[in-house]
């Protein structure tokens, strides 16, 4: 009996050793704000990657030349500081040989893009930003699954002016992202006959008291406020503005998620007259209900576009590795198109393709609040160049309500 027990133990150890010898790790780095006022935003991005990695691994990982590879997520907090983000990325690449480093803030992305890359030290930069000046740098290793914010600007400005608002005060976040939003929105607003009566940028990544800029802005008697940054601090701005007696309209820049803000505030009525991005969970895609349930069970929080898109992009990366049989960053980056398109019956978001500059072709969603209730989401495709292209991509979508899809061509850039 003793010999049999010893034999069984030996077999178990041998099997474990064999598994280890036949498996390898593919490291994915994440650097972002994981503490401070923007922590919820960073955590949603991270959880999307974490969930994808766990699902891929539990399904057997990916196979490269007969050898199993499993994903490992390495994370570091950078509090949206460019220097820290760059140092974190270097640590992932130099110490862990990360094939990709994800980062969701345009200011810190520019710092990471400044890291020299060679064939022996390459890594994919997994961007998450609507500020496409990042993409215009044409970095050969960048990818990004967020639509250009200019499409939001054009649509939001149209809706705001159609609703009768004229006098606009801006309290969007400071930094590269906020500056781009404020400048572009002001130009679009004025072009439509509106007035910009004040600009009061505040750092939504570090501040929690917005009394001073709100007092200055509200003294100008605006019809509408342009606000936004991370959702948690945007909720504070809404609450503080309403406490000061402001009953006008709200236009939220795209980082701020209205469903999260409404839940934080506990009262949708505080968002009355809001124009914003839409809740991605409200899209009638076949894969979303199961994803929402699994995500909430795992992380005890509701889904956002941050977790959904990070999850989807890592699944596409894994699919690309499986197809090509290579986990080299340059090979992955060059062949992502082979894993596309993915529609809403396969993943909880739809990625219709990828452009040469690394931008995934994807839809965007918008929503409003009227009479204390959220509207249906508006599913917008801005990337098709012609009506014929739009109809082609519309047919590719698996949304249960194709009538909600509309074409809003992206503004032409000079």
Protein backbone atom coordinates (compact mmCIF):
# COMPACT_ATOMS: atom_id res chain seq x y z
CA UNK A 1 0.00 0.00 0.00
CA UNK A 2 2.83 2.33 0.90
CA UNK A 3 4.56 1.65 -2.43
CA UNK A 4 1.29 2.32 -4.28
CA UNK A 5 0.86 5.66 -2.49
CA UNK A 6 4.43 6.63 -3.32
CA UNK A 7 3.87 5.71 -6.96
CA UNK A 8 0.68 7.82 -7.15
CA UNK A 9 2.44 10.84 -5.62
CA UNK A 10 5.31 10.41 -8.09
CA UNK A 11 2.89 10.28 -11.03
CA UNK A 12 1.14 13.46 -9.84
CA UNK A 13 4.46 15.31 -9.61
CA UNK A 14 5.53 14.03 -13.00
CA UNK A 15 2.25 15.17 -14.57
CA UNK A 16 2.63 18.60 -12.98
CA UNK A 17 6.22 18.85 -14.22
CA UNK A 18 5.15 17.77 -17.70
CA UNK A 19 2.41 20.39 -17.74
CA UNK A 20 4.88 23.08 -16.69
CA UNK A 21 7.39 21.96 -19.31
CA UNK A 22 4.73 22.04 -22.03
CA UNK A 23 3.30 25.43 -21.05
CA UNK A 24 4.61 28.96 -21.22
CA UNK A 25 3.36 32.40 -20.24
CA UNK A 26 2.34 35.34 -22.38
CA UNK A 27 2.58 38.44 -20.21
CA UNK A 28 0.24 41.40 -20.69
CA UNK A 29 1.04 44.59 -18.78
CA UNK A 30 -1.46 47.17 -17.59
CA UNK A 31 -0.47 50.59 -16.29
CA UNK A 32 -3.16 53.08 -15.39
CA UNK A 33 -4.82 54.97 -12.54
CA UNK A 34 -5.56 52.26 -9.97
CA UNK A 35 -5.74 54.60 -6.98
CA UNK A 36 -7.01 58.13 -6.46
CA UNK A 37 -10.15 59.72 -7.98
CA UNK A 38 -9.75 57.90 -11.32
CA UNK A 39 -9.26 54.45 -9.79
CA UNK A 40 -12.68 53.13 -10.84
CA UNK A 41 -11.88 53.94 -14.47
CA UNK A 42 -8.52 52.17 -14.31
CA UNK A 43 -9.98 49.17 -12.50
CA UNK A 44 -12.65 48.67 -15.17
CA UNK A 45 -9.97 48.55 -17.87
CA UNK A 46 -7.89 46.11 -15.84
CA UNK A 47 -10.83 43.84 -15.01
CA UNK A 48 -11.66 43.51 -18.68
CA UNK A 49 -8.15 42.19 -19.37
CA UNK A 50 -8.22 40.01 -16.28
CA UNK A 51 -11.52 38.38 -17.22
CA UNK A 52 -10.38 37.68 -20.78
CA UNK A 53 -7.11 36.13 -19.59
CA UNK A 54 -8.87 33.87 -17.10
CA UNK A 55 -11.37 32.67 -19.69
CA UNK A 56 -8.69 32.00 -22.29
CA UNK A 57 -6.59 30.11 -19.75
CA UNK A 58 -9.48 28.04 -18.43
CA UNK A 59 -10.27 27.03 -22.02
CA UNK A 60 -6.73 25.70 -22.46
CA UNK A 61 -4.79 28.83 -23.41
CA UNK A 62 -3.33 29.19 -26.89
CA UNK A 63 -1.15 26.69 -28.71
CA UNK A 64 2.09 27.68 -30.45
CA UNK A 65 3.96 24.89 -32.23
CA UNK A 66 2.30 22.30 -30.03
CA UNK A 67 3.15 24.09 -26.78
CA UNK A 68 0.46 25.55 -24.55
CA UNK A 69 0.75 29.19 -23.60
CA UNK A 70 -1.24 30.88 -20.85
CA UNK A 71 -1.83 34.59 -20.25
CA UNK A 72 -0.61 36.40 -17.16
CA UNK A 73 -1.66 39.97 -16.36
CA UNK A 74 0.88 42.23 -14.65
CA UNK A 75 -0.53 45.49 -13.26
CA UNK A 76 0.98 48.68 -11.85
CA UNK A 77 -0.58 51.94 -10.70
CA UNK A 78 0.59 55.14 -12.40
CA UNK A 79 -2.10 57.58 -11.11
CA UNK A 80 -2.19 59.01 -14.66
CA UNK A 81 1.38 60.29 -14.28
CA UNK A 82 3.36 60.12 -17.58
CA UNK A 83 6.74 59.43 -15.99
CA UNK A 84 5.38 56.65 -13.82
CA UNK A 85 3.48 55.14 -16.76
CA UNK A 86 6.64 55.05 -18.85
CA UNK A 87 8.63 53.48 -16.00
CA UNK A 88 5.88 50.88 -15.50
CA UNK A 89 5.90 49.99 -19.18
CA UNK A 90 9.68 49.60 -19.16
CA UNK A 91 9.41 47.29 -16.15
CA UNK A 92 6.80 45.12 -17.89
CA UNK A 93 8.91 44.80 -21.02
CA UNK A 94 12.37 44.47 -19.47
CA UNK A 95 11.52 42.25 -16.47
CA UNK A 96 8.53 40.29 -17.74
CA UNK A 97 9.01 40.37 -21.52
CA UNK A 98 5.43 41.63 -21.91
CA UNK A 99 4.10 41.33 -25.45
CA UNK A 100 1.64 44.18 -24.84
CA UNK A 101 1.24 47.09 -22.44
CA UNK A 102 -2.24 48.55 -22.05
CA UNK A 103 -2.83 52.13 -20.96
CA UNK A 104 -6.09 54.18 -20.99
CA UNK A 105 -4.98 57.83 -20.73
CA UNK A 106 -3.80 59.91 -23.70
CA UNK A 107 -1.23 61.91 -21.70
CA UNK A 108 0.46 58.77 -20.41
CA UNK A 109 0.15 57.03 -23.77
CA UNK A 110 2.34 59.68 -25.37
CA UNK A 111 5.03 58.93 -22.76
CA UNK A 112 4.85 55.18 -23.42
CA UNK A 113 5.02 55.77 -27.17
CA UNK A 114 8.37 57.48 -26.58
CA UNK A 115 10.02 54.22 -25.48
CA UNK A 116 12.38 53.03 -28.25
CA UNK A 117 11.46 49.67 -29.74
CA UNK A 118 13.71 47.15 -31.46
CA UNK A 119 13.04 43.67 -32.80
CA UNK A 120 14.41 42.23 -29.55
CA UNK A 121 12.37 44.59 -27.38
CA UNK A 122 9.03 45.21 -29.03
CA UNK A 123 5.63 45.44 -27.42
CA UNK A 124 2.13 46.29 -28.52
CA UNK A 125 0.75 49.51 -27.04
CA UNK A 126 -2.86 48.81 -26.13
CA UNK A 127 -4.33 52.30 -26.17
CA UNK A 128 -7.77 53.20 -24.91
CA UNK A 129 -8.43 56.79 -25.92
CA UNK A 130 -10.75 58.75 -28.16
CA UNK A 131 -8.08 61.43 -28.67
CA UNK A 132 -6.84 60.30 -32.04
CA UNK A 133 -3.85 62.62 -32.09
CA UNK A 134 -2.34 59.53 -30.44
CA UNK A 135 -3.18 57.51 -33.54
CA UNK A 136 -1.99 60.23 -35.90
CA UNK A 137 1.54 59.67 -34.61
CA UNK A 138 1.41 56.44 -36.66
CA UNK A 139 3.28 54.40 -34.08
CA UNK A 140 3.80 50.98 -35.71
CA UNK A 141 2.87 49.02 -32.56
CA UNK A 142 -0.20 50.88 -31.28
CA UNK A 143 -3.78 49.57 -31.31
CA UNK A 144 -6.93 51.34 -30.13
CA UNK A 145 -10.57 50.23 -29.91
CA UNK A 146 -12.12 53.64 -29.23
CA UNK A 147 -13.70 55.87 -31.89
CA UNK A 148 -12.41 59.39 -32.47
CA UNK A 149 -14.08 61.78 -30.01
CA UNK A 150 -14.82 64.24 -32.84
CA UNK A 151 -17.83 62.13 -33.85
CA UNK A 152 -19.25 62.58 -30.35
CA UNK A 153 -18.53 66.31 -30.51
CA UNK A 154 -20.42 66.78 -33.78
CA UNK A 155 -23.44 64.79 -32.65
CA UNK A 156 -23.60 66.30 -29.16
CA UNK A 157 -23.27 69.85 -30.47
CA UNK A 158 -26.07 69.21 -32.98
CA UNK A 159 -28.37 67.84 -30.27
CA UNK A 160 -27.55 70.59 -27.81
CA UNK A 161 -28.28 73.41 -30.23
CA UNK A 162 -31.42 71.65 -31.50
CA UNK A 163 -32.60 71.55 -27.89
CA UNK A 164 -32.38 75.33 -27.64
CA UNK A 165 -29.24 75.70 -25.55
CA UNK A 166 -27.01 78.61 -26.51
CA UNK A 167 -24.77 79.71 -23.64
CA UNK A 168 -22.14 77.07 -22.82
CA UNK A 169 -19.68 76.95 -19.92
CA UNK A 170 -16.96 74.27 -20.00
CA UNK A 171 -15.69 72.41 -16.93
CA UNK A 172 -14.16 69.36 -18.58
CA UNK A 173 -11.02 67.82 -17.18
CA UNK A 174 -7.58 69.33 -17.77
CA UNK A 175 -4.70 67.56 -19.52
CA UNK A 176 -4.26 66.49 -23.14
CA UNK A 177 -7.60 64.70 -23.28
CA UNK A 178 -9.65 67.50 -21.74
CA UNK A 179 -7.90 70.21 -23.72
CA UNK A 180 -8.67 68.45 -26.99
CA UNK A 181 -12.32 68.05 -26.02
CA UNK A 182 -12.77 71.66 -24.88
CA UNK A 183 -11.08 73.16 -27.93
CA UNK A 184 -12.92 70.99 -30.45
CA UNK A 185 -16.28 71.31 -28.76
CA UNK A 186 -16.00 75.08 -28.47
CA UNK A 187 -15.30 75.34 -32.20
CA UNK A 188 -18.24 73.09 -33.06
CA UNK A 189 -20.57 74.95 -30.70
CA UNK A 190 -19.67 78.39 -32.06
CA UNK A 191 -19.96 77.11 -35.65
CA UNK A 192 -23.59 76.25 -34.85
CA UNK A 193 -24.36 79.70 -33.48
CA UNK A 194 -23.74 78.94 -29.82
CA UNK A 195 -21.76 81.01 -27.31
CA UNK A 196 -18.91 79.81 -25.09
CA UNK A 197 -19.13 81.99 -21.99
CA UNK A 198 -16.36 80.42 -19.94
CA UNK A 199 -13.73 77.66 -19.76
CA UNK A 200 -12.75 76.30 -16.35
CA UNK A 201 -10.55 73.18 -16.71
CA UNK A 202 -10.02 71.15 -13.55
CA UNK A 203 -8.05 67.97 -12.97
CA UNK A 204 -10.65 65.23 -12.53
CA UNK A 205 -7.84 62.76 -11.80
CA UNK A 206 -6.75 64.46 -8.60
CA UNK A 207 -9.53 66.82 -7.42
CA UNK A 208 -12.77 66.07 -5.59
CA UNK A 209 -13.93 69.59 -4.71
CA UNK A 210 -15.15 71.52 -7.76
CA UNK A 211 -16.77 74.41 -5.88
CA UNK A 212 -14.49 77.15 -7.19
CA UNK A 213 -14.78 76.46 -10.95
CA UNK A 214 -18.51 75.72 -10.62
CA UNK A 215 -19.14 78.98 -8.78
CA UNK A 216 -17.28 80.91 -11.48
CA UNK A 217 -19.08 79.11 -14.29
CA UNK A 218 -22.58 79.37 -12.85
CA UNK A 219 -22.13 83.09 -12.23
CA UNK A 220 -22.19 83.45 -16.05
CA UNK A 221 -25.74 81.94 -16.18
CA UNK A 222 -25.05 79.14 -18.70
CA UNK A 223 -27.78 77.10 -20.37
CA UNK A 224 -25.57 74.03 -20.45
CA UNK A 225 -22.33 72.72 -18.97
CA UNK A 226 -19.72 70.64 -20.80
CA UNK A 227 -18.27 68.42 -18.09
CA UNK A 228 -16.46 65.14 -17.70
CA UNK A 229 -13.44 63.02 -17.01
CA UNK A 230 -13.43 59.77 -15.00
CA UNK A 231 -16.99 58.81 -14.05
CA UNK A 232 -16.51 58.93 -10.28
CA UNK A 233 -15.40 62.56 -10.23
CA UNK A 234 -17.87 63.54 -12.97
CA UNK A 235 -20.62 62.36 -10.61
CA UNK A 236 -19.24 64.75 -7.99
CA UNK A 237 -19.39 67.64 -10.48
CA UNK A 238 -23.03 66.86 -11.29
CA UNK A 239 -23.94 66.61 -7.61
CA UNK A 240 -22.14 69.82 -6.70
CA UNK A 241 -23.64 71.72 -9.67
CA UNK A 242 -27.18 70.65 -8.74
CA UNK A 243 -26.51 71.53 -5.07
CA UNK A 244 -25.61 75.03 -6.24
CA UNK A 245 -28.98 75.32 -7.97
CA UNK A 246 -28.00 74.65 -11.59
CA UNK A 247 -30.95 73.14 -13.47
CA UNK A 248 -29.65 73.50 -17.02
CA UNK A 249 -28.37 70.91 -19.47
CA UNK A 250 -25.33 68.67 -19.20
CA UNK A 251 -23.09 67.45 -22.00
CA UNK A 252 -20.68 64.74 -20.84
CA UNK A 253 -17.40 64.06 -22.61
CA UNK A 254 -16.97 60.44 -23.57
CA UNK A 255 -14.86 59.16 -20.67
CA UNK A 256 -17.74 59.78 -18.26
CA UNK A 257 -20.24 56.90 -18.27
CA UNK A 258 -23.85 57.94 -17.56
CA UNK A 259 -25.08 54.63 -16.13
CA UNK A 260 -22.23 54.55 -13.58
CA UNK A 261 -22.86 58.22 -12.70
CA UNK A 262 -26.61 57.66 -12.27
CA UNK A 263 -25.95 54.70 -9.97
CA UNK A 264 -23.43 56.72 -7.95
CA UNK A 265 -25.84 59.63 -7.58
CA UNK A 266 -28.78 57.35 -6.83
CA UNK A 267 -31.16 59.53 -8.86
CA UNK A 268 -31.38 59.72 -12.65
CA UNK A 269 -33.35 62.97 -12.29
CA UNK A 270 -30.12 64.74 -11.37
CA UNK A 271 -29.01 64.03 -14.96
CA UNK A 272 -32.11 65.59 -16.52
CA UNK A 273 -31.29 67.15 -19.90
CA UNK A 274 -28.06 65.16 -20.25
CA UNK A 275 -26.44 64.28 -23.58
CA UNK A 276 -23.71 61.68 -23.28
CA UNK A 277 -22.23 58.44 -24.45
CA UNK A 278 -24.54 55.48 -23.96
CA UNK A 279 -24.46 52.52 -21.63
CA UNK A 280 -22.83 49.74 -23.63
CA UNK A 281 -24.83 47.21 -21.64
CA UNK A 282 -28.02 48.62 -23.18
CA UNK A 283 -26.99 47.47 -26.67
CA UNK A 284 -29.09 44.44 -27.69
CA UNK A 285 -26.14 42.23 -28.62
CA UNK A 286 -26.51 38.45 -28.12
CA UNK A 287 -23.32 38.04 -26.04
CA UNK A 288 -23.92 40.93 -23.64
CA UNK A 289 -26.40 39.38 -21.15
CA UNK A 290 -24.13 36.44 -20.32
CA UNK A 291 -21.07 38.71 -20.19
CA UNK A 292 -22.79 41.13 -17.81
CA UNK A 293 -23.78 38.27 -15.51
CA UNK A 294 -20.29 36.75 -15.48
CA UNK A 295 -18.57 40.09 -14.98
CA UNK A 296 -20.81 41.09 -12.09
CA UNK A 297 -20.31 37.71 -10.42
CA UNK A 298 -16.53 37.99 -10.73
CA UNK A 299 -15.98 41.65 -9.83
CA UNK A 300 -19.20 42.72 -8.06
CA UNK A 301 -19.70 45.68 -10.39
CA UNK A 302 -21.61 46.58 -13.51
CA UNK A 303 -19.98 46.53 -16.92
CA UNK A 304 -18.67 49.62 -18.72
CA UNK A 305 -17.26 50.09 -22.20
CA UNK A 306 -13.78 50.06 -20.57
CA UNK A 307 -14.09 46.48 -19.35
CA UNK A 308 -15.95 45.32 -22.47
CA UNK A 309 -13.45 46.69 -24.99
CA UNK A 310 -10.34 45.62 -23.07
CA UNK A 311 -11.84 42.15 -22.78
CA UNK A 312 -12.64 42.04 -26.49
CA UNK A 313 -9.23 43.28 -27.63
CA UNK A 314 -7.35 40.68 -25.56
CA UNK A 315 -9.62 37.97 -26.97
CA UNK A 316 -8.74 39.17 -30.48
CA UNK A 317 -5.03 39.12 -29.61
CA UNK A 318 -5.37 35.53 -28.35
CA UNK A 319 -7.24 34.54 -31.50
CA UNK A 320 -4.49 36.10 -33.63
CA UNK A 321 -1.79 34.16 -31.76
CA UNK A 322 -3.74 30.94 -32.25
CA UNK A 323 -4.17 31.60 -35.98
CA UNK A 324 -0.58 32.66 -36.71
CA UNK A 325 1.22 30.40 -34.25
CA UNK A 326 3.35 33.32 -33.04
CA UNK A 327 3.36 35.41 -29.87
CA UNK A 328 5.97 37.87 -31.13
CA UNK A 329 4.52 41.38 -30.71
CA UNK A 330 5.30 42.43 -34.30
CA UNK A 331 3.64 39.31 -35.69
CA UNK A 332 0.55 39.85 -33.58
CA UNK A 333 0.28 43.53 -34.54
CA UNK A 334 0.69 42.78 -38.25
CA UNK A 335 -1.92 40.02 -38.30
CA UNK A 336 -4.78 41.21 -36.09
CA UNK A 337 -6.91 41.55 -39.21
CA UNK A 338 -6.90 37.76 -39.49
CA UNK A 339 -8.97 37.51 -36.28
CA UNK A 340 -11.52 40.07 -37.47
CA UNK A 341 -14.35 40.86 -37.76
CA UNK A 342 -15.95 39.78 -34.51
CA UNK A 343 -19.64 40.49 -34.00
CA UNK A 344 -21.99 40.65 -31.05
CA UNK A 345 -22.76 36.95 -31.01
CA UNK A 346 -19.07 36.13 -30.42
CA UNK A 347 -17.95 38.96 -28.13
CA UNK A 348 -19.81 41.61 -26.05
CA UNK A 349 -18.70 44.32 -28.50
CA UNK A 350 -18.41 44.42 -32.27
CA UNK A 351 -15.07 45.00 -34.00
CA UNK A 352 -15.58 45.20 -37.75
CA UNK A 353 -11.93 45.38 -38.79
CA UNK A 354 -8.72 47.29 -38.15
CA UNK A 355 -7.13 50.19 -39.98
CA UNK A 356 -3.47 50.36 -40.91
CA UNK A 357 -2.80 52.81 -38.07
CA UNK A 358 -4.10 50.29 -35.49
CA UNK A 359 -7.59 51.68 -34.95
CA UNK A 360 -10.25 48.99 -34.64
CA UNK A 361 -13.40 49.75 -36.61
CA UNK A 362 -16.16 49.86 -34.02
CA UNK A 363 -19.45 51.57 -33.32
CA UNK A 364 -20.13 54.12 -30.62
CA UNK A 365 -23.22 54.63 -28.49
CA UNK A 366 -25.01 57.78 -27.32
CA UNK A 367 -27.87 58.38 -24.90
CA UNK A 368 -29.91 61.18 -23.33
CA UNK A 369 -31.99 61.68 -20.19
CA UNK A 370 -35.48 63.14 -20.50
CA UNK A 371 -38.28 63.22 -17.92
CA UNK A 372 -36.10 61.32 -15.47
CA UNK A 373 -35.41 58.34 -17.75
CA UNK A 374 -32.65 57.19 -20.07
CA UNK A 375 -33.44 57.09 -23.76
CA UNK A 376 -32.72 54.07 -25.93
CA UNK A 377 -29.10 53.96 -27.00
CA UNK A 378 -28.16 55.30 -30.40
CA UNK A 379 -25.69 52.92 -32.15
CA UNK A 380 -23.53 54.99 -34.50
CA UNK A 381 -21.09 53.84 -37.17
CA UNK A 382 -18.81 56.70 -38.14
CA UNK A 383 -16.06 54.88 -40.04
CA UNK A 384 -17.85 53.91 -43.31
CA UNK A 385 -16.92 56.30 -46.10
CA UNK A 386 -20.04 55.74 -48.21
CA UNK A 387 -23.66 54.77 -47.73
CA UNK A 388 -22.92 51.45 -49.44
CA UNK A 389 -20.13 50.71 -46.94
CA UNK A 390 -22.45 51.61 -44.08
CA UNK A 391 -25.08 49.15 -45.29
CA UNK A 392 -22.42 46.44 -45.56
CA UNK A 393 -21.25 46.91 -41.98
CA UNK A 394 -24.81 47.29 -40.72
CA UNK A 395 -25.59 43.82 -42.09
CA UNK A 396 -22.54 42.44 -40.27
CA UNK A 397 -23.87 43.62 -36.91
CA UNK A 398 -25.72 41.12 -34.73
CA UNK A 399 -27.78 43.70 -32.84
CA UNK A 400 -31.33 42.57 -32.26
CA UNK A 401 -32.57 46.02 -33.29
CA UNK A 402 -30.82 47.00 -36.55
CA UNK A 403 -33.05 50.07 -36.83
CA UNK A 404 -31.06 51.67 -33.99
CA UNK A 405 -27.88 51.68 -36.12
CA UNK A 406 -27.23 54.94 -37.96
CA UNK A 407 -24.48 56.40 -40.07
CA UNK A 408 -22.70 59.55 -38.90
CA UNK A 409 -19.57 59.95 -41.06
CA UNK A 410 -16.52 61.10 -39.15
CA UNK A 411 -15.57 64.73 -39.77
CA UNK A 412 -12.92 65.14 -42.44
CA UNK A 413 -9.53 66.23 -41.10
CA UNK A 414 -7.39 68.76 -42.88
